[in-house]
Amino acid sequence: MAEREVLRAEKDYSEQLNKELPGIIELAKDGKTGLSAALEKLLALEKQTRQSSDLPSTSRILETIVTLCRDAGDWNLMNEHVQLLAKKHAQLKLAITKMVQLVMTFIEQTPNEETKLSVIDTLRTVTEGKIFVEVERARVTRELSNIKKRKGDVAGAKAVLCELQVETFGSMDRKEKTAFILEQIGLCIEDNDYTQGTILSRKISTRYFGVANKEDSEIMELKLRYYEQQIQIAKHDDKYLDACKHYRAVLDTPSIEKDDSLTKQTLERIIFYVILAPYDNEQSDLLHRIHGDNRLAKLVPEQASLLKLFTVSELMPWSRIEQTYGQLLRSTDVFRIDAPKGETRWQDLRKRVIEHNVRVVAKYYTKISMDRLRQLLDLEMQETEDYLSKLVVDKTISAKIDRPAKVVTFETTRDADDVLNEWSGNMKSLLGLLERVDHLITKEEMMANIQPKAAKGKAK
């Protein structure tokens, strides 16, 4: 409604303000008494312009009031007038917006941090619940969050910033909105609140970082920040396949593609995290697609040779892997002993090698003794049984252990539905063959009946 009233301003006070404002501003320079008198005259004029819906004049008066208070160094008086003017009956929204935007420029001019916090608190109070100044409120809140963070209060900074639902702000530019959410996620990670960080990250659509915006360097920087945070979250939760996918998205960034050293580093991590991921159909498909990348042999040949071992159905004893690739792997921040979770990932790699070997054995054997299986896997008996049991539980392989006979049988267990479906398929195939045979027999009989008649006709 305020915007409509502005369009129907009853009176234009521009000329009156041009005459009176210079004198009022000069009066304000005469100490506190002069400032008080100047503010009284300005408030009287503000009432007239506001009631007449004269937006330019009202905005001009509001900006003059806060500027005079700032110039006089009386920040408390400025805060009082900001709140007073914003609460005026039928105050024009655009006038409030311009006043808030002007006061925001004064924040960096405050003499000390206490004064700065008081100005920020005033602006947050004035803008609370007002959609037309939601962007200004978000920016002021971010400034408050930064102050808390500099003081070491990360939890407080996170609480202040994350209370804002910027994804619902229609007036905020998408680029700024994305940067704002990334800052929220960053504070959650710093506060070790990875759950909330994951929830907040879902508010960002990865399509925004797609081909359409690939030439925009600022958006690509936001993309790298986003995936860096996602990689941190994935590493914390040991979600290796997610980490691999995020690194693949990072690789598809112009700044990374142009730099061979960054490309090499990213490819190396893609390989490491895909082989660390537990085996399933998605992991297997991604593993083979990564192996088909032509850049691997050129930039990371040793890592590529390790990756290749996981793509072929051949045994690879852990002792040989450790001897061949141990030094290379241990020199990276993924498997280094002093790196966060470096030893955990090293043990996970050993598990993936053993699980690969078990799958290979299950592919080539229908029955095998436990002792022979232990030799092939290069493990102790109990550890062999543990890995075998785990893969059966995960439904990666199908096997039964005959403990008295110490024999493992690899077979695919089928339930009644599978057997019935197979029988139904066989019967359908059989009936189809019978129908075709019947058709061929009928055809032969018809041909046999035609031939004697044709021969008899020729004889006549």
Protein backbone atom coordinates (compact mmCIF):
# COMPACT_ATOMS: atom_id res chain seq x y z
CA MET A 1 0.00 0.00 0.00
CA ALA A 2 2.87 2.38 0.80
CA GLU A 3 4.22 2.15 -2.74
CA ARG A 4 0.78 3.01 -4.17
CA GLU A 5 0.48 6.04 -1.87
CA VAL A 6 3.87 7.25 -3.06
CA LEU A 7 2.60 7.38 -6.58
CA ARG A 8 -0.25 9.64 -5.39
CA ALA A 9 1.78 12.17 -3.38
CA GLU A 10 -0.57 14.92 -2.23
CA LYS A 11 2.11 17.61 -2.10
CA ASP A 12 5.73 18.06 -3.17
CA TYR A 13 7.94 19.51 -0.43
CA SER A 14 11.14 19.56 -2.47
CA GLU A 15 11.30 23.33 -2.84
CA GLN A 16 10.53 23.89 0.82
CA LEU A 17 13.30 21.51 1.85
CA ASN A 18 15.75 23.20 -0.52
CA LYS A 19 15.10 26.46 1.33
CA GLU A 20 14.98 25.19 4.93
CA LEU A 21 17.50 22.31 5.07
CA PRO A 22 20.70 24.40 4.69
CA GLY A 23 19.67 26.53 7.67
CA ILE A 24 18.70 23.49 9.73
CA ILE A 25 22.01 21.78 8.97
CA GLU A 26 23.88 24.95 9.96
CA LEU A 27 21.84 25.15 13.18
CA ALA A 28 22.81 21.55 14.07
CA LYS A 29 26.48 22.57 14.20
CA ASP A 30 25.80 24.80 17.24
CA GLY A 31 26.38 22.15 19.93
CA LYS A 32 23.76 19.92 21.54
CA THR A 33 21.22 22.69 21.81
CA GLY A 34 21.45 23.46 18.13
CA LEU A 35 21.26 19.74 17.25
CA SER A 36 18.11 19.29 19.35
CA ALA A 37 16.48 22.29 17.74
CA ALA A 38 17.45 21.09 14.26
CA LEU A 39 16.05 17.62 14.93
CA GLU A 40 12.74 19.10 16.17
CA LYS A 41 12.33 21.07 12.97
CA LEU A 42 13.24 18.03 10.86
CA LEU A 43 10.73 15.80 12.71
CA ALA A 44 8.02 18.40 12.11
CA LEU A 45 8.83 18.46 8.42
CA GLU A 46 9.00 14.66 8.35
CA LYS A 47 5.45 14.43 9.67
CA GLN A 48 4.19 16.67 6.89
CA THR A 49 6.00 14.87 4.10
CA ARG A 50 5.03 11.45 5.46
CA GLN A 51 1.35 12.34 5.70
CA SER A 52 1.51 13.71 2.16
CA SER A 53 3.23 10.49 0.94
CA ASP A 54 6.10 12.53 -0.51
CA LEU A 55 8.72 9.75 -0.76
CA PRO A 56 11.73 11.77 -2.05
CA SER A 57 11.30 14.43 0.63
CA THR A 58 10.64 11.93 3.43
CA SER A 59 13.70 9.91 2.48
CA ARG A 60 15.79 13.07 2.33
CA ILE A 61 14.69 14.13 5.83
CA LEU A 62 15.31 10.68 7.34
CA GLU A 63 18.79 10.55 5.83
CA THR A 64 19.52 14.07 7.07
CA ILE A 65 18.47 13.23 10.64
CA VAL A 66 20.73 10.16 10.94
CA THR A 67 23.59 12.02 9.22
CA LEU A 68 23.41 14.95 11.65
CA CYS A 69 23.48 12.58 14.61
CA ARG A 70 26.45 10.76 13.11
CA ASP A 71 28.31 14.01 12.42
CA ALA A 72 27.71 15.11 16.02
CA GLY A 73 29.21 11.81 17.24
CA ASP A 74 26.06 10.97 19.21
CA TRP A 75 25.53 7.36 18.12
CA ASN A 76 22.97 6.62 20.83
CA LEU A 77 20.84 9.53 19.66
CA MET A 78 21.10 8.21 16.09
CA ASN A 79 19.98 4.74 17.22
CA GLU A 80 16.99 6.26 19.05
CA HIS A 81 15.89 8.25 16.01
CA VAL A 82 16.32 5.27 13.65
CA GLN A 83 13.92 3.24 15.80
CA LEU A 84 11.59 6.19 16.26
CA LEU A 85 11.36 7.01 12.57
CA ALA A 86 10.86 3.38 11.55
CA LYS A 87 7.89 3.06 13.93
CA LYS A 88 6.08 6.15 12.71
CA HIS A 89 2.50 5.53 11.61
CA ALA A 90 2.20 4.97 7.83
CA GLN A 91 5.93 5.41 7.40
CA LEU A 92 6.93 4.87 3.78
CA LYS A 93 8.72 1.55 3.22
CA LEU A 94 11.17 2.88 0.68
CA ALA A 95 12.08 5.72 3.02
CA ILE A 96 12.87 3.21 5.77
CA THR A 97 14.91 1.17 3.31
CA LYS A 98 17.01 4.16 2.27
CA MET A 99 17.57 5.17 5.89
CA VAL A 100 18.67 1.64 6.84
CA GLN A 101 21.01 1.44 3.86
CA LEU A 102 22.59 4.77 4.81
CA VAL A 103 23.08 3.74 8.45
CA MET A 104 24.72 0.53 7.26
CA THR A 105 27.43 2.62 5.62
CA PHE A 106 28.10 4.23 9.05
CA ILE A 107 28.95 0.89 10.71
CA GLU A 108 32.61 1.00 9.70
CA GLN A 109 32.84 4.62 10.93
CA THR A 110 31.95 3.78 14.54
CA PRO A 111 34.66 4.73 17.06
CA ASN A 112 34.73 1.37 18.88
CA GLU A 113 33.30 -2.12 18.79
CA GLU A 114 30.72 -1.45 21.47
CA THR A 115 29.24 1.37 19.41
CA LYS A 116 29.36 -0.79 16.30
CA LEU A 117 27.41 -3.55 18.06
CA SER A 118 24.81 -1.03 19.26
CA VAL A 119 24.27 0.22 15.69
CA ILE A 120 24.02 -3.35 14.39
CA ASP A 121 21.55 -4.25 17.14
CA THR A 122 19.43 -1.20 16.25
CA LEU A 123 19.37 -2.13 12.57
CA ARG A 124 18.46 -5.75 13.36
CA THR A 125 15.63 -4.54 15.58
CA VAL A 126 14.29 -2.13 12.95
CA THR A 127 14.47 -4.68 10.11
CA GLU A 128 13.03 -7.64 12.02
CA GLY A 129 9.94 -9.05 10.32
CA LYS A 130 10.05 -6.56 7.43
CA ILE A 131 10.33 -8.27 4.05
CA PHE A 132 11.26 -5.06 2.22
CA VAL A 133 14.54 -4.83 4.21
CA GLU A 134 15.28 -8.57 4.47
CA VAL A 135 18.46 -8.26 2.41
CA GLU A 136 19.76 -5.43 4.58
CA ARG A 137 18.96 -7.45 7.71
CA ALA A 138 20.89 -10.43 6.29
CA ARG A 139 23.96 -8.28 5.56
CA VAL A 140 23.92 -6.68 9.02
CA THR A 141 23.52 -10.10 10.62
CA ARG A 142 26.51 -11.38 8.67
CA GLU A 143 28.57 -8.47 10.05
CA LEU A 144 27.49 -9.42 13.58
CA SER A 145 28.41 -13.03 12.90
CA ASN A 146 31.87 -12.00 11.68
CA ILE A 147 32.43 -10.01 14.87
CA LYS A 148 31.52 -13.01 17.02
CA LYS A 149 33.75 -15.25 14.94
CA ARG A 150 36.72 -12.90 15.36
CA LYS A 151 36.19 -13.09 19.11
CA GLY A 152 36.37 -16.89 18.93
CA ASP A 153 32.66 -17.46 19.53
CA VAL A 154 32.07 -19.78 16.55
CA ALA A 155 28.92 -21.28 18.08
CA GLY A 156 27.44 -17.82 18.60
CA ALA A 157 28.38 -16.76 15.08
CA LYS A 158 26.75 -19.89 13.68
CA ALA A 159 23.58 -19.42 15.73
CA VAL A 160 23.18 -15.80 14.59
CA LEU A 161 23.84 -16.46 10.91
CA CYS A 162 21.94 -19.73 10.54
CA GLU A 163 18.70 -18.28 11.90
CA LEU A 164 18.22 -16.54 8.55
CA GLN A 165 16.44 -18.48 5.79
CA VAL A 166 18.08 -16.61 2.92
CA GLU A 167 16.87 -19.15 0.34
CA THR A 168 13.40 -17.59 0.73
CA PHE A 169 14.63 -14.04 0.04
CA GLY A 170 13.25 -13.13 -3.36
CA SER A 171 15.02 -9.77 -3.47
CA MET A 172 18.51 -11.18 -2.88
CA ASP A 173 20.71 -11.93 -5.88
CA ARG A 174 21.31 -15.67 -6.35
CA LYS A 175 25.07 -15.25 -6.30
CA GLU A 176 24.96 -13.44 -2.95
CA LYS A 177 22.43 -15.93 -1.66
CA THR A 178 24.73 -18.84 -2.54
CA ALA A 179 27.71 -17.13 -0.88
CA PHE A 180 25.59 -16.53 2.22
CA ILE A 181 24.57 -20.19 2.50
CA LEU A 182 28.18 -21.28 1.96
CA GLU A 183 29.19 -19.06 4.87
CA GLN A 184 26.53 -20.74 7.01
CA ILE A 185 27.83 -24.19 6.05
CA GLY A 186 31.40 -23.09 6.78
CA LEU A 187 30.47 -22.02 10.32
CA CYS A 188 28.67 -25.35 10.90
CA ILE A 189 31.82 -27.24 9.85
CA GLU A 190 34.00 -25.08 12.11
CA ASP A 191 31.60 -25.80 14.99
CA ASN A 192 31.72 -29.56 14.15
CA ASP A 193 27.99 -29.53 13.43
CA TYR A 194 28.18 -31.62 10.27
CA THR A 195 24.52 -32.62 10.43
CA GLN A 196 23.26 -29.06 10.09
CA GLY A 197 25.95 -28.38 7.52
CA THR A 198 24.60 -31.25 5.41
CA ILE A 199 21.04 -29.94 5.72
CA LEU A 200 22.07 -26.42 4.71
CA SER A 201 24.05 -27.69 1.72
CA ARG A 202 20.85 -29.13 0.23
CA LYS A 203 19.55 -25.59 -0.20
CA ILE A 204 22.08 -25.04 -3.00
CA SER A 205 21.25 -26.49 -6.41
CA THR A 206 24.34 -27.86 -8.14
CA ARG A 207 22.74 -26.98 -11.49
CA TYR A 208 23.69 -23.38 -10.72
CA PHE A 209 27.32 -24.44 -11.21
CA GLY A 210 26.59 -26.08 -14.56
CA VAL A 211 27.71 -25.35 -18.10
CA ALA A 212 25.55 -22.21 -18.39
CA ASN A 213 27.64 -20.41 -15.76
CA LYS A 214 31.00 -22.01 -16.51
CA GLU A 215 32.45 -18.78 -17.89
CA ASP A 216 31.56 -16.78 -14.78
CA SER A 217 34.68 -16.86 -12.59
CA GLU A 218 32.81 -15.72 -9.46
CA ILE A 219 30.29 -18.54 -9.74
CA MET A 220 33.12 -21.02 -10.34
CA GLU A 221 34.80 -19.79 -7.14
CA LEU A 222 31.54 -20.41 -5.30
CA LYS A 223 31.44 -23.86 -6.87
CA LEU A 224 34.92 -24.71 -5.58
CA ARG A 225 33.98 -23.44 -2.10
CA TYR A 226 30.81 -25.53 -2.14
CA TYR A 227 32.54 -28.76 -3.16
CA GLU A 228 35.42 -28.16 -0.76
CA GLN A 229 32.87 -28.05 2.05
CA GLN A 230 31.05 -31.12 0.72
CA ILE A 231 34.35 -33.02 0.60
CA GLN A 232 35.03 -32.07 4.23
CA ILE A 233 31.61 -33.37 5.26
CA ALA A 234 32.01 -36.57 3.22
CA LYS A 235 35.46 -37.23 4.72
CA HIS A 236 34.14 -36.68 8.24
CA ASP A 237 31.35 -39.21 7.68
CA ASP A 238 33.66 -41.64 5.79
CA LYS A 239 31.44 -41.40 2.71
CA TYR A 240 34.19 -42.18 0.24
CA LEU A 241 31.97 -42.50 -2.84
CA ASP A 242 30.46 -39.07 -2.20
CA ALA A 243 33.96 -37.61 -1.80
CA CYS A 244 34.93 -39.15 -5.15
CA LYS A 245 31.89 -37.62 -6.86
CA HIS A 246 32.66 -34.21 -5.38
CA TYR A 247 36.26 -34.37 -6.60
CA ARG A 248 34.96 -35.27 -10.08
CA ALA A 249 32.78 -32.14 -9.98
CA VAL A 250 35.83 -30.09 -8.92
CA LEU A 251 37.76 -31.53 -11.85
CA ASP A 252 35.12 -30.15 -14.23
CA THR A 253 36.06 -26.55 -13.40
CA PRO A 254 38.00 -24.30 -15.83
CA SER A 255 40.57 -23.15 -13.24
CA ILE A 256 41.35 -26.79 -12.36
CA GLU A 257 41.41 -28.04 -15.95
CA LYS A 258 43.92 -25.35 -16.97
CA ASP A 259 46.37 -26.23 -14.19
CA ASP A 260 48.08 -29.61 -14.66
CA SER A 261 49.26 -29.79 -11.05
CA LEU A 262 45.73 -29.22 -9.71
CA THR A 263 44.32 -31.69 -12.25
CA LYS A 264 46.86 -34.28 -11.18
CA GLN A 265 46.10 -33.73 -7.51
CA THR A 266 42.35 -34.00 -8.10
CA LEU A 267 42.66 -37.13 -10.26
CA GLU A 268 44.77 -38.76 -7.57
CA ARG A 269 42.08 -38.17 -4.94
CA ILE A 270 39.35 -39.38 -7.29
CA ILE A 271 41.21 -42.67 -7.66
CA PHE A 272 41.91 -43.06 -3.95
CA TYR A 273 38.35 -42.40 -2.82
CA VAL A 274 36.68 -44.57 -5.45
CA ILE A 275 38.78 -47.59 -4.45
CA LEU A 276 38.10 -46.83 -0.77
CA ALA A 277 34.34 -46.85 -1.34
CA PRO A 278 32.49 -50.08 -0.43
CA TYR A 279 31.65 -52.24 -3.42
CA ASP A 280 28.20 -51.97 -5.00
CA ASN A 281 26.80 -51.47 -8.49
CA GLU A 282 27.23 -47.70 -8.39
CA GLN A 283 30.81 -47.93 -7.13
CA SER A 284 31.69 -50.54 -9.75
CA ASP A 285 30.22 -48.46 -12.57
CA LEU A 286 32.01 -45.31 -11.42
CA LEU A 287 35.26 -47.26 -11.01
CA HIS A 288 35.23 -48.41 -14.64
CA ARG A 289 34.24 -44.96 -15.94
CA ILE A 290 37.13 -43.36 -14.07
CA HIS A 291 39.47 -46.03 -15.41
CA GLY A 292 38.47 -45.00 -18.93
CA ASP A 293 39.74 -41.43 -18.44
CA ASN A 294 42.65 -40.88 -20.85
CA ARG A 295 44.32 -38.37 -18.52
CA LEU A 296 45.15 -41.00 -15.91
CA ALA A 297 47.97 -42.71 -17.80
CA LYS A 298 49.57 -39.35 -18.58
CA LEU A 299 49.28 -37.52 -15.25
CA VAL A 300 49.00 -40.23 -12.57
CA PRO A 301 50.36 -43.49 -14.08
CA GLU A 302 51.15 -45.22 -10.75
CA GLN A 303 47.74 -44.46 -9.26
CA ALA A 304 46.14 -45.57 -12.54
CA SER A 305 47.91 -48.93 -12.33
CA LEU A 306 46.52 -49.40 -8.80
CA LEU A 307 43.04 -48.52 -10.04
CA LYS A 308 43.35 -51.04 -12.88
CA LEU A 309 43.88 -53.88 -10.38
CA PHE A 310 40.36 -53.29 -9.08
CA THR A 311 38.85 -53.49 -12.58
CA VAL A 312 40.13 -56.97 -13.48
CA SER A 313 39.11 -60.31 -11.97
CA GLU A 314 42.54 -61.22 -10.66
CA LEU A 315 43.87 -61.77 -7.17
CA MET A 316 46.04 -59.03 -5.68
CA PRO A 317 47.56 -60.03 -2.31
CA TRP A 318 47.67 -57.21 0.22
CA SER A 319 51.36 -57.81 0.90
CA ARG A 320 52.14 -57.13 -2.76
CA ILE A 321 49.97 -54.00 -2.82
CA GLU A 322 51.64 -52.70 0.34
CA GLN A 323 55.09 -53.37 -1.06
CA THR A 324 54.41 -51.84 -4.49
CA TYR A 325 52.27 -48.85 -3.58
CA GLY A 326 52.84 -48.38 0.14
CA GLN A 327 55.39 -45.58 -0.14
CA LEU A 328 53.35 -43.72 -2.73
CA LEU A 329 50.11 -43.95 -0.76
CA ARG A 330 51.66 -43.09 2.59
CA SER A 331 53.15 -39.89 1.16
CA THR A 332 49.68 -38.44 0.41
CA ASP A 333 47.41 -36.63 2.87
CA VAL A 334 44.80 -39.34 2.28
CA PHE A 335 46.81 -42.19 3.82
CA ARG A 336 49.57 -40.40 5.72
CA ILE A 337 49.90 -41.65 9.29
CA ASP A 338 49.78 -38.17 10.85
CA ALA A 339 46.84 -37.07 8.66
CA PRO A 340 43.32 -37.02 10.15
CA LYS A 341 41.87 -40.53 9.72
CA GLY A 342 44.92 -41.48 7.61
CA GLU A 343 45.41 -44.79 9.42
CA THR A 344 41.67 -45.53 9.25
CA ARG A 345 41.71 -45.10 5.47
CA TRP A 346 44.77 -47.32 5.21
CA GLN A 347 42.92 -50.10 7.00
CA ASP A 348 39.86 -49.48 4.81
CA LEU A 349 42.04 -49.88 1.73
CA ARG A 350 43.24 -53.24 3.04
CA LYS A 351 39.59 -54.26 3.51
CA ARG A 352 38.74 -53.32 -0.08
CA VAL A 353 41.68 -55.35 -1.42
CA ILE A 354 40.64 -58.41 0.60
CA GLU A 355 36.98 -58.03 -0.40
CA HIS A 356 38.03 -57.80 -4.06
CA ASN A 357 39.99 -61.01 -3.70
CA VAL A 358 37.02 -62.79 -2.11
CA ARG A 359 34.78 -61.73 -5.03
CA VAL A 360 37.39 -63.03 -7.49
CA VAL A 361 37.52 -66.40 -5.72
CA ALA A 362 33.72 -66.58 -5.67
CA LYS A 363 33.69 -65.98 -9.42
CA TYR A 364 36.08 -68.84 -10.29
CA TYR A 365 35.23 -71.44 -7.63
CA THR A 366 32.05 -73.28 -6.79
CA LYS A 367 33.66 -75.05 -3.83
CA ILE A 368 36.92 -74.39 -2.02
CA SER A 369 38.46 -75.49 1.25
CA MET A 370 38.89 -72.90 3.97
CA ASP A 371 42.60 -73.61 4.14
CA ARG A 372 43.04 -72.96 0.40
CA LEU A 373 40.89 -69.83 0.63
CA ARG A 374 43.03 -68.58 3.50
CA GLN A 375 46.15 -69.07 1.39
CA LEU A 376 44.68 -67.22 -1.57
CA LEU A 377 43.62 -64.30 0.59
CA ASP A 378 46.84 -64.31 2.63
CA LEU A 379 44.89 -64.12 5.91
CA GLU A 380 44.46 -65.98 9.17
CA MET A 381 41.58 -68.45 9.38
CA GLN A 382 39.38 -66.32 11.64
CA GLU A 383 39.93 -63.18 9.56
CA THR A 384 39.11 -65.13 6.39
CA GLU A 385 35.81 -66.26 7.87
CA ASP A 386 35.02 -62.74 9.09
CA TYR A 387 35.47 -61.18 5.65
CA LEU A 388 33.55 -63.98 3.97
CA SER A 389 30.67 -63.59 6.41
CA LYS A 390 30.58 -59.82 5.96
CA LEU A 391 30.30 -60.08 2.17
CA VAL A 392 27.53 -62.65 2.50
CA VAL A 393 25.62 -60.40 4.91
CA ASP A 394 26.07 -57.44 2.53
CA LYS A 395 24.76 -59.70 -0.29
CA THR A 396 27.86 -59.04 -2.34
CA ILE A 397 28.42 -62.77 -2.74
CA SER A 398 26.44 -65.89 -1.94
CA ALA A 399 28.26 -68.57 0.06
CA LYS A 400 27.81 -71.28 2.67
CA ILE A 401 30.46 -72.51 5.10
CA ASP A 402 30.54 -76.18 6.10
CA ARG A 403 32.55 -75.85 9.28
CA PRO A 404 32.99 -79.57 10.07
CA ALA A 405 34.23 -80.22 6.53
CA LYS A 406 35.95 -76.78 6.36
CA VAL A 407 34.54 -76.22 2.88
CA VAL A 408 33.02 -73.07 1.40
CA THR A 409 30.36 -73.44 -1.28
CA PHE A 410 29.71 -70.46 -3.52
CA GLU A 411 26.22 -70.69 -4.88
CA THR A 412 23.37 -68.34 -5.61
CA THR A 413 20.52 -68.92 -3.21
CA ARG A 414 17.11 -68.72 -4.81
CA ASP A 415 13.77 -68.34 -3.10
CA ALA A 416 10.50 -69.94 -4.22
CA ASP A 417 9.58 -66.98 -6.42
CA ASP A 418 12.83 -67.24 -8.38
CA VAL A 419 12.36 -70.97 -8.94
CA LEU A 420 8.73 -70.49 -9.99
CA ASN A 421 9.66 -67.67 -12.38
CA GLU A 422 12.36 -69.85 -13.96
CA TRP A 423 9.91 -72.77 -14.35
CA SER A 424 7.33 -70.42 -15.87
CA GLY A 425 9.90 -69.08 -18.32
CA ASN A 426 10.98 -72.59 -19.32
CA MET A 427 7.38 -73.70 -19.89
CA LYS A 428 6.69 -70.62 -22.01
CA SER A 429 9.77 -71.35 -24.10
CA LEU A 430 8.77 -75.01 -24.46
CA LEU A 431 5.23 -74.17 -25.57
CA GLY A 432 6.63 -71.73 -28.09
CA LEU A 433 8.85 -74.44 -29.57
CA LEU A 434 5.94 -76.89 -29.75
CA GLU A 435 3.81 -74.31 -31.53
CA ARG A 436 6.56 -73.71 -34.06
CA VAL A 437 7.05 -77.47 -34.63
CA ASP A 438 3.30 -77.89 -35.15
CA HIS A 439 3.35 -75.06 -37.69
CA LEU A 440 6.26 -76.65 -39.60
CA ILE A 441 4.56 -80.07 -39.64
CA THR A 442 1.34 -78.55 -40.96
CA LYS A 443 3.29 -76.73 -43.64
CA GLU A 444 5.04 -79.95 -44.72
CA GLU A 445 1.71 -81.81 -44.93
CA MET A 446 0.19 -79.11 -47.10
CA MET A 447 3.23 -79.16 -49.41
CA ALA A 448 3.01 -82.97 -49.64
CA ASN A 449 -0.67 -82.81 -50.68
CA ILE A 450 0.02 -80.17 -53.35
CA GLN A 451 2.91 -81.99 -55.07
CA PRO A 452 1.01 -85.21 -56.17
CA LYS A 453 -1.81 -83.14 -57.67
CA ALA A 454 0.64 -81.02 -59.61
CA ALA A 455 2.39 -84.14 -60.95
CA LYS A 456 -0.92 -85.72 -61.96
CA GLY A 457 -1.93 -82.57 -63.84
CA LYS A 458 1.32 -82.63 -65.88
CA ALA A 459 0.79 -86.31 -66.80
CA LYS A 460 -2.57 -85.52 -68.37
